[in-house]
Amino acid sequence: MNVGLVILAAGESSRMGAPKQLLPIFGKSMLKYLIEEAFETNCVPVTVVLGAHKSKIVPELHNMPISIIDNANWASGMGSSIKMGLIGVYMVEKSVDAVIFMTSDMPFVNAKVLNKMIQIAEEHPEKTIVAAKYNGTVGIPTLFKRSVFEQLLDIEPKAGAKNIIQANKKDTISFDFDLGSVDLDTKQDYFEFLQSKN
């Protein structure tokens, strides 16, 4: 299965007060860490959607073999970044069978998690979506197979991946990923994450 991967990193990080994509985790910036984890999978291409802090983030990604997509409409909502990310993948690799979408603020999404998603997708050809399950709900990271691409391209700007999952419940398979509940939205989130690593 040919799988592309999109990291949604266009947000403003208004609640953090600084670009959370650049926060240090595991000895490097969060975005660089997540990209390097993606490189430990067979996902091609790896596409990063930037927006609000593009000028600050691009230098951090220098010489990395990724596609960078600029979402000028990042403020309209995550749906716009999902659409731009899928277009970015297709521009590089038209034969992708599926695309994984993840965000740039979930520090425990690693190669093991991503490879598990691909394995589940291959073992369940009848399912078109593989979604992480945590906190009693399903969401990102999510793998969407090709048959769902049209719905992703039609997504409303304010909508997110969860909207597509809800619309395709019977075709979705989920897997338990308790650490998916950890996302670094605020300074308090980041402080608690750092404390948990000590």
C-alpha atoms as a PDB file:
ATOM      1  CA  MET A   1       0.000   0.000   0.000  1.00  0.00           C
ATOM      2  CA  ASN A   2       1.366   3.403  -1.028  1.00  0.00           C
ATOM      3  CA  VAL A   3       0.681   5.822   1.832  1.00  0.00           C
ATOM      4  CA  GLY A   4       1.352   9.544   1.951  1.00  0.00           C
ATOM      5  CA  LEU A   5       1.499  11.518   5.186  1.00  0.00           C
ATOM      6  CA  VAL A   6       0.389  15.059   5.980  1.00  0.00           C
ATOM      7  CA  ILE A   7       1.390  16.992   9.096  1.00  0.00           C
ATOM      8  CA  LEU A   8      -1.010  19.855   9.764  1.00  0.00           C
ATOM      9  CA  ALA A   9       1.138  22.665  11.170  1.00  0.00           C
ATOM     10  CA  ALA A  10      -0.530  25.848   9.929  1.00  0.00           C
ATOM     11  CA  GLY A  11      -2.121  27.048  13.147  1.00  0.00           C
ATOM     12  CA  GLU A  12      -1.383  30.238  15.021  1.00  0.00           C
ATOM     13  CA  SER A  13      -0.756  28.620  18.444  1.00  0.00           C
ATOM     14  CA  SER A  14      -2.655  31.514  20.029  1.00  0.00           C
ATOM     15  CA  ARG A  15      -3.224  29.660  23.315  1.00  0.00           C
ATOM     16  CA  MET A  16       0.467  28.765  23.561  1.00  0.00           C
ATOM     17  CA  GLY A  17       1.647  32.306  22.867  1.00  0.00           C
ATOM     18  CA  ALA A  18       4.481  31.015  20.652  1.00  0.00           C
ATOM     19  CA  PRO A  19       4.732  28.644  17.665  1.00  0.00           C
ATOM     20  CA  LYS A  20       4.174  25.273  19.324  1.00  0.00           C
ATOM     21  CA  GLN A  21       5.604  23.589  16.227  1.00  0.00           C
ATOM     22  CA  LEU A  22       9.028  24.772  17.421  1.00  0.00           C
ATOM     23  CA  LEU A  23       8.734  23.748  21.087  1.00  0.00           C
ATOM     24  CA  PRO A  24      11.578  21.410  22.129  1.00  0.00           C
ATOM     25  CA  ILE A  25      10.547  17.819  22.821  1.00  0.00           C
ATOM     26  CA  PHE A  26      12.843  14.789  22.989  1.00  0.00           C
ATOM     27  CA  GLY A  27      15.834  17.022  22.226  1.00  0.00           C
ATOM     28  CA  LYS A  28      14.549  18.744  19.070  1.00  0.00           C
ATOM     29  CA  SER A  29      11.662  20.866  17.858  1.00  0.00           C
ATOM     30  CA  MET A  30       8.316  19.099  17.974  1.00  0.00           C
ATOM     31  CA  LEU A  31       7.741  19.431  14.238  1.00  0.00           C
ATOM     32  CA  LYS A  32      11.205  18.131  13.350  1.00  0.00           C
ATOM     33  CA  TYR A  33      10.741  15.212  15.758  1.00  0.00           C
ATOM     34  CA  LEU A  34       7.408  14.265  14.180  1.00  0.00           C
ATOM     35  CA  ILE A  35       8.835  14.523  10.663  1.00  0.00           C
ATOM     36  CA  GLU A  36      11.752  12.268  11.596  1.00  0.00           C
ATOM     37  CA  GLU A  37       9.304   9.743  13.041  1.00  0.00           C
ATOM     38  CA  ALA A  38       7.427   9.853   9.732  1.00  0.00           C
ATOM     39  CA  PHE A  39      10.702   9.058   7.955  1.00  0.00           C
ATOM     40  CA  GLU A  40      10.848   5.806   9.959  1.00  0.00           C
ATOM     41  CA  THR A  41       7.785   4.612   8.029  1.00  0.00           C
ATOM     42  CA  ASN A  42       7.325   3.874   4.327  1.00  0.00           C
ATOM     43  CA  CYS A  43       5.121   6.951   3.891  1.00  0.00           C
ATOM     44  CA  VAL A  44       5.914   8.909   0.714  1.00  0.00           C
ATOM     45  CA  PRO A  45       5.605  11.792   0.342  1.00  0.00           C
ATOM     46  CA  VAL A  46       5.758  13.492   3.742  1.00  0.00           C
ATOM     47  CA  THR A  47       3.951  16.816   3.382  1.00  0.00           C
ATOM     48  CA  VAL A  48       3.860  19.645   5.924  1.00  0.00           C
ATOM     49  CA  VAL A  49       1.131  22.291   5.718  1.00  0.00           C
ATOM     50  CA  LEU A  50       2.277  25.649   7.086  1.00  0.00           C
ATOM     51  CA  GLY A  51       0.454  28.919   7.558  1.00  0.00           C
ATOM     52  CA  ALA A  52       0.574  31.399  10.431  1.00  0.00           C
ATOM     53  CA  HIS A  53       4.255  31.029  11.351  1.00  0.00           C
ATOM     54  CA  LYS A  54       5.643  29.869   8.015  1.00  0.00           C
ATOM     55  CA  SER A  55       8.585  32.319   8.023  1.00  0.00           C
ATOM     56  CA  LYS A  56       9.730  31.106  11.455  1.00  0.00           C
ATOM     57  CA  ILE A  57       9.233  27.402  10.755  1.00  0.00           C
ATOM     58  CA  VAL A  58      10.674  26.992   7.243  1.00  0.00           C
ATOM     59  CA  PRO A  59      14.322  27.501   8.356  1.00  0.00           C
ATOM     60  CA  GLU A  60      13.847  24.658  10.867  1.00  0.00           C
ATOM     61  CA  LEU A  61      12.962  22.332   7.995  1.00  0.00           C
ATOM     62  CA  HIS A  62      15.937  23.221   5.794  1.00  0.00           C
ATOM     63  CA  ASN A  63      17.252  20.301   3.719  1.00  0.00           C
ATOM     64  CA  MET A  64      14.579  17.883   4.944  1.00  0.00           C
ATOM     65  CA  PRO A  65      13.154  15.742   2.094  1.00  0.00           C
ATOM     66  CA  ILE A  66       9.573  16.904   2.540  1.00  0.00           C
ATOM     67  CA  SER A  67       6.958  18.851   0.616  1.00  0.00           C
ATOM     68  CA  ILE A  68       5.987  22.168   2.192  1.00  0.00           C
ATOM     69  CA  ILE A  69       2.554  23.545   1.377  1.00  0.00           C
ATOM     70  CA  ASP A  70       1.648  27.119   2.241  1.00  0.00           C
ATOM     71  CA  ASN A  71      -1.986  27.448   3.287  1.00  0.00           C
ATOM     72  CA  ALA A  72      -2.706  31.137   2.908  1.00  0.00           C
ATOM     73  CA  ASN A  73      -6.231  30.490   4.228  1.00  0.00           C
ATOM     74  CA  TRP A  74      -5.062  28.790   7.432  1.00  0.00           C
ATOM     75  CA  ALA A  75      -7.237  31.088   9.570  1.00  0.00           C
ATOM     76  CA  SER A  76     -10.411  29.732   7.953  1.00  0.00           C
ATOM     77  CA  GLY A  77     -10.020  26.419   9.790  1.00  0.00           C
ATOM     78  CA  MET A  78      -8.364  23.004   9.790  1.00  0.00           C
ATOM     79  CA  GLY A  79     -10.479  21.798   6.871  1.00  0.00           C
ATOM     80  CA  SER A  80      -8.594  24.151   4.566  1.00  0.00           C
ATOM     81  CA  SER A  81      -5.277  22.638   5.668  1.00  0.00           C
ATOM     82  CA  ILE A  82      -6.579  19.088   5.207  1.00  0.00           C
ATOM     83  CA  LYS A  83      -7.588  19.940   1.647  1.00  0.00           C
ATOM     84  CA  MET A  84      -4.263  21.647   0.875  1.00  0.00           C
ATOM     85  CA  GLY A  85      -2.337  18.737   2.373  1.00  0.00           C
ATOM     86  CA  LEU A  86      -4.115  16.189   0.192  1.00  0.00           C
ATOM     87  CA  ILE A  87      -3.506  18.308  -2.897  1.00  0.00           C
ATOM     88  CA  GLY A  88       0.158  18.571  -1.898  1.00  0.00           C
ATOM     89  CA  VAL A  89       0.487  14.787  -1.617  1.00  0.00           C
ATOM     90  CA  TYR A  90      -1.195  14.250  -4.978  1.00  0.00           C
ATOM     91  CA  MET A  91       1.124  16.760  -6.684  1.00  0.00           C
ATOM     92  CA  VAL A  92       4.109  14.605  -5.698  1.00  0.00           C
ATOM     93  CA  GLU A  93       2.656  11.083  -5.836  1.00  0.00           C
ATOM     94  CA  LYS A  94      -0.523  10.459  -7.823  1.00  0.00           C
ATOM     95  CA  SER A  95      -0.594   6.723  -7.093  1.00  0.00           C
ATOM     96  CA  VAL A  96      -1.129   6.954  -3.318  1.00  0.00           C
ATOM     97  CA  ASP A  97      -3.622   4.441  -1.934  1.00  0.00           C
ATOM     98  CA  ALA A  98      -4.094   6.285   1.363  1.00  0.00           C
ATOM     99  CA  VAL A  99      -3.014   9.373   3.290  1.00  0.00           C
ATOM    100  CA  ILE A 100      -2.381   9.709   7.027  1.00  0.00           C
ATOM    101  CA  PHE A 101      -3.241  13.074   8.579  1.00  0.00           C
ATOM    102  CA  MET A 102      -1.674  14.110  11.878  1.00  0.00           C
ATOM    103  CA  THR A 103      -1.205  17.389  13.708  1.00  0.00           C
ATOM    104  CA  SER A 104       2.013  19.033  14.864  1.00  0.00           C
ATOM    105  CA  ASP A 105       1.080  19.169  18.556  1.00  0.00           C
ATOM    106  CA  MET A 106       0.733  15.472  19.494  1.00  0.00           C
ATOM    107  CA  PRO A 107       4.175  14.455  20.828  1.00  0.00           C
ATOM    108  CA  PHE A 108       3.399  10.753  21.208  1.00  0.00           C
ATOM    109  CA  VAL A 109       2.525  10.113  17.573  1.00  0.00           C
ATOM    110  CA  ASN A 110       5.577   8.140  16.487  1.00  0.00           C
ATOM    111  CA  ALA A 111       6.663   5.661  13.824  1.00  0.00           C
ATOM    112  CA  LYS A 112       5.238   2.740  15.801  1.00  0.00           C
ATOM    113  CA  VAL A 113       1.781   4.337  15.846  1.00  0.00           C
ATOM    114  CA  LEU A 114       1.933   5.271  12.162  1.00  0.00           C
ATOM    115  CA  ASN A 115       3.102   1.815  11.092  1.00  0.00           C
ATOM    116  CA  LYS A 116       0.321   0.246  13.161  1.00  0.00           C
ATOM    117  CA  MET A 117      -2.231   2.336  11.262  1.00  0.00           C
ATOM    118  CA  ILE A 118      -0.855   1.171   7.925  1.00  0.00           C
ATOM    119  CA  GLN A 119      -0.868  -2.451   9.073  1.00  0.00           C
ATOM    120  CA  ILE A 120      -4.507  -2.190  10.176  1.00  0.00           C
ATOM    121  CA  ALA A 121      -5.440  -0.590   6.843  1.00  0.00           C
ATOM    122  CA  GLU A 122      -3.779  -3.426   4.937  1.00  0.00           C
ATOM    123  CA  GLU A 123      -5.377  -6.109   7.117  1.00  0.00           C
ATOM    124  CA  HIS A 124      -8.850  -4.597   6.683  1.00  0.00           C
ATOM    125  CA  PRO A 125      -9.261  -3.786   2.976  1.00  0.00           C
ATOM    126  CA  GLU A 126     -13.016  -3.407   3.515  1.00  0.00           C
ATOM    127  CA  LYS A 127     -12.476  -0.384   5.793  1.00  0.00           C
ATOM    128  CA  THR A 128     -11.718   3.004   4.264  1.00  0.00           C
ATOM    129  CA  ILE A 129     -10.676   4.882   7.427  1.00  0.00           C
ATOM    130  CA  VAL A 130      -8.353   3.953  10.296  1.00  0.00           C
ATOM    131  CA  ALA A 131      -8.746   6.341  13.235  1.00  0.00           C
ATOM    132  CA  ALA A 132      -7.054   6.684  16.617  1.00  0.00           C
ATOM    133  CA  LYS A 133      -9.293   6.252  19.657  1.00  0.00           C
ATOM    134  CA  TYR A 134      -8.710   8.120  22.923  1.00  0.00           C
ATOM    135  CA  ASN A 135     -10.777   9.876  25.575  1.00  0.00           C
ATOM    136  CA  GLY A 136     -13.847   7.996  24.393  1.00  0.00           C
ATOM    137  CA  THR A 137     -13.737   9.458  20.903  1.00  0.00           C
ATOM    138  CA  VAL A 138     -11.964   8.944  17.585  1.00  0.00           C
ATOM    139  CA  GLY A 139      -9.784  11.406  15.711  1.00  0.00           C
ATOM    140  CA  ILE A 140      -6.360  12.288  14.399  1.00  0.00           C
ATOM    141  CA  PRO A 141      -4.032  10.652  13.560  1.00  0.00           C
ATOM    142  CA  THR A 142      -6.292   9.174  10.897  1.00  0.00           C
ATOM    143  CA  LEU A 143      -5.614   7.204   7.737  1.00  0.00           C
ATOM    144  CA  PHE A 144      -7.975   7.808   4.813  1.00  0.00           C
ATOM    145  CA  LYS A 145      -8.003   5.487   1.827  1.00  0.00           C
ATOM    146  CA  ARG A 146      -8.357   6.743  -1.720  1.00  0.00           C
ATOM    147  CA  SER A 147     -12.125   6.239  -1.885  1.00  0.00           C
ATOM    148  CA  VAL A 148     -12.545   8.992   0.737  1.00  0.00           C
ATOM    149  CA  PHE A 149     -10.303  11.563  -0.997  1.00  0.00           C
ATOM    150  CA  GLU A 150     -13.216  13.271  -2.739  1.00  0.00           C
ATOM    151  CA  GLN A 151     -14.904  13.890   0.601  1.00  0.00           C
ATOM    152  CA  LEU A 152     -11.658  15.373   1.950  1.00  0.00           C
ATOM    153  CA  LEU A 153     -11.450  17.737  -1.006  1.00  0.00           C
ATOM    154  CA  ASP A 154     -15.038  18.843  -0.353  1.00  0.00           C
ATOM    155  CA  ILE A 155     -14.485  19.411   3.374  1.00  0.00           C
ATOM    156  CA  GLU A 156     -15.690  22.693   4.829  1.00  0.00           C
ATOM    157  CA  PRO A 157     -12.884  24.972   6.113  1.00  0.00           C
ATOM    158  CA  LYS A 158     -14.195  24.882   9.694  1.00  0.00           C
ATOM    159  CA  ALA A 159     -14.543  21.090   9.679  1.00  0.00           C
ATOM    160  CA  GLY A 160     -11.913  18.603  10.788  1.00  0.00           C
ATOM    161  CA  ALA A 161     -11.025  14.975  10.181  1.00  0.00           C
ATOM    162  CA  LYS A 162     -13.612  13.928  12.772  1.00  0.00           C
ATOM    163  CA  ASN A 163     -16.402  15.194  10.519  1.00  0.00           C
ATOM    164  CA  ILE A 164     -15.346  12.786   7.764  1.00  0.00           C
ATOM    165  CA  ILE A 165     -14.989   9.937  10.259  1.00  0.00           C
ATOM    166  CA  GLN A 166     -18.514  10.551  11.603  1.00  0.00           C
ATOM    167  CA  ALA A 167     -19.901  10.549   8.060  1.00  0.00           C
ATOM    168  CA  ASN A 168     -18.262   7.166   7.394  1.00  0.00           C
ATOM    169  CA  LYS A 169     -18.762   5.358  10.708  1.00  0.00           C
ATOM    170  CA  LYS A 170     -19.527   1.955   9.213  1.00  0.00           C
ATOM    171  CA  ASP A 171     -16.397   2.105   7.073  1.00  0.00           C
ATOM    172  CA  THR A 172     -14.124   3.166   9.946  1.00  0.00           C
ATOM    173  CA  ILE A 173     -11.967   0.948  12.124  1.00  0.00           C
ATOM    174  CA  SER A 174     -10.378   2.420  15.251  1.00  0.00           C
ATOM    175  CA  PHE A 175      -7.415   1.468  17.404  1.00  0.00           C
ATOM    176  CA  ASP A 176      -6.665   2.357  21.010  1.00  0.00           C
ATOM    177  CA  PHE A 177      -4.118   5.159  21.370  1.00  0.00           C
ATOM    178  CA  ASP A 178      -4.493   6.519  24.894  1.00  0.00           C
ATOM    179  CA  LEU A 179      -1.535   8.903  24.523  1.00  0.00           C
ATOM    180  CA  GLY A 180      -3.414  10.587  21.692  1.00  0.00           C
ATOM    181  CA  SER A 181      -5.152  12.564  24.424  1.00  0.00           C
ATOM    182  CA  VAL A 182      -1.892  14.487  24.922  1.00  0.00           C
ATOM    183  CA  ASP A 183      -1.740  17.536  22.704  1.00  0.00           C
ATOM    184  CA  LEU A 184       0.222  20.636  23.548  1.00  0.00           C
ATOM    185  CA  ASP A 185      -2.178  23.540  23.127  1.00  0.00           C
ATOM    186  CA  THR A 186      -1.272  25.683  26.137  1.00  0.00           C
ATOM    187  CA  LYS A 187       1.758  26.517  28.260  1.00  0.00           C
ATOM    188  CA  GLN A 188       0.232  24.388  31.010  1.00  0.00           C
ATOM    189  CA  ASP A 189      -0.021  21.420  28.601  1.00  0.00           C
ATOM    190  CA  TYR A 190       3.637  21.843  27.721  1.00  0.00           C
ATOM    191  CA  PHE A 191       4.700  22.177  31.359  1.00  0.00           C
ATOM    192  CA  GLU A 192       2.809  19.004  32.289  1.00  0.00           C
ATOM    193  CA  PHE A 193       4.371  17.163  29.349  1.00  0.00           C
ATOM    194  CA  LEU A 194       7.863  18.192  30.436  1.00  0.00           C
ATOM    195  CA  GLN A 195       7.130  17.171  34.026  1.00  0.00           C
ATOM    196  CA  SER A 196       5.933  13.756  32.863  1.00  0.00           C
ATOM    197  CA  LYS A 197       9.281  13.162  31.129  1.00  0.00           C
ATOM    198  CA  ASN A 198      11.324  13.854  34.289  1.00  0.00           C
END
